Amino acid sequence: MNRNLWLLALCQGLLLTNNVVFIAINGLVGLALAPQGWLATLPVTGYVVGSALSTLPVAHLQARVGRKRSFQIGLVVGALSAALCAYAAATQDFWLLVVATLVAGFYAANGSLYRFAGPELVAPAFRERAISLVLAGGIVGAFAGPNLASATRSLLPVPFAGAYLALVAVALLSLAALSLIRFEAHVAPPPGASSGRPLAQIARQPVFIVAVAASALGYGVMNLLMAATPIAMAQCSHPFESAALVLEWHVLGMFVPSFFTGHLIRRFGELPVMAVGALLNFACVAVALSGVDLMQFLSALFLLGVGWNFLYTGGTTLLTSAYRPEEKNKAQGAMDFCVFSTMALSSFASGALITTRGWAWLNVGSLMPLALVSAALAWLALQRRRQFSAPDATSRSDR
């Protein structure tokens, strides 16, 4: 556990600061500017669609220029897109705001790979802890994001334009921290060099299928409920400061467990930890359906955050066993493409459901993907049990 890893965790925290501010304000700005109410979360959707579209280009870019250069390019794009968001808010241009958040997705696609870069900075024995520690950097976003949104939303005459400008400074600060990290020297693969197995062959492995499905669906459910929370709380007459507090506790739930999730995975394995994550998501839905008081929103979103952490950290760790070193860029890019594509669908569905059906039906709708995650985990556990029992059965028949 070294200086480079801590700096990378700080970059993760600043990325989450950007994400939390976007979640806190994009839906509200969208609601104020959108020609139709059901389009309110389209700026949130634009962010994750841009991320999904950027995952494979980012994977190719990292293979070509290396981790550090790609991360730096992503941060520059992040700063420019935040400035464009501020301009769109100032000019009351809804569609320009959507385009700006679409471009910002390139930064998110780069930043999503911080968690995979962490294990490359430590000895192999610390792989799980490195992933957890990088994700734990999101605690910075838990405090900085909601408070930054609250402090800067009225900074300029146009509501929330100042918050977007603050994100320019956040991206530049992250760029400074990243410049101090010493990654392994990048060696571009020579022309014609093998890149390992085809992606289709990698993706047919049960471990790949479950890692991606659990991460994507877990992130989709989290995004479905989180993106709608500021709008749902506004509909229930809660002030913006209360929504910011709920998001703060939600992000704490997402990242505080990262200090020990790696230890839990190392001791009990990925699948049991991920199963607990799925149960916590079911508990979130139960609390959310029980009422719309502040503490019910806060408790539900906190449980949602912890459940996401167990599913996402476990899924990320599980994926690292599905590919060889020369296959990492394609495998990681494929996983994040699936994650961000699911998030795009859930973001759009979030705006449509919260403005047409309400908070209760939004939560009921999340039960199906959670059931699929639970089924996928049970399926892989059964596959592994059969693999372990097969040699025993063979040895008994030999005797």
Foldseek 3Di string as FASTA:
>chain_A
DDPLLLLLLLLLQLVLLVVLLCLLPQLVLLCVQPPDQLCSLLLVLLLLLLLLVQLLVLLVVCLAPNLLVQLLVLLVQLLVLLLQLLVCLVVSPNVSSSVSSSSNSNNVSSSVCSLVQQCQVDDVVCNLLSSLSSLLSNLSSLPNNLVLLVVQQPVDVRGSSRSSNVSSVSSVVSSVSSVPRDGDDRDRDDPPDDLDDDPVVLCVDLLLVLLLLLLQLLLLLLLLQSSLQSVQCVVVVHDSNLNSNLSSLLSCLQRVCSNCLSVVCVVPNLLVLLLVLLVLLVVLLVLQLVDDDSVSSNSSSSSSNNSSNSRNSSSVVSQVVRDDPSNVSVSVSVSSSSNSVSNSVSSSVSSNCCVPPNDNVSSVVSVVSSVVSNVSSVVVVVVVVCVVCVVVVVVVVVD
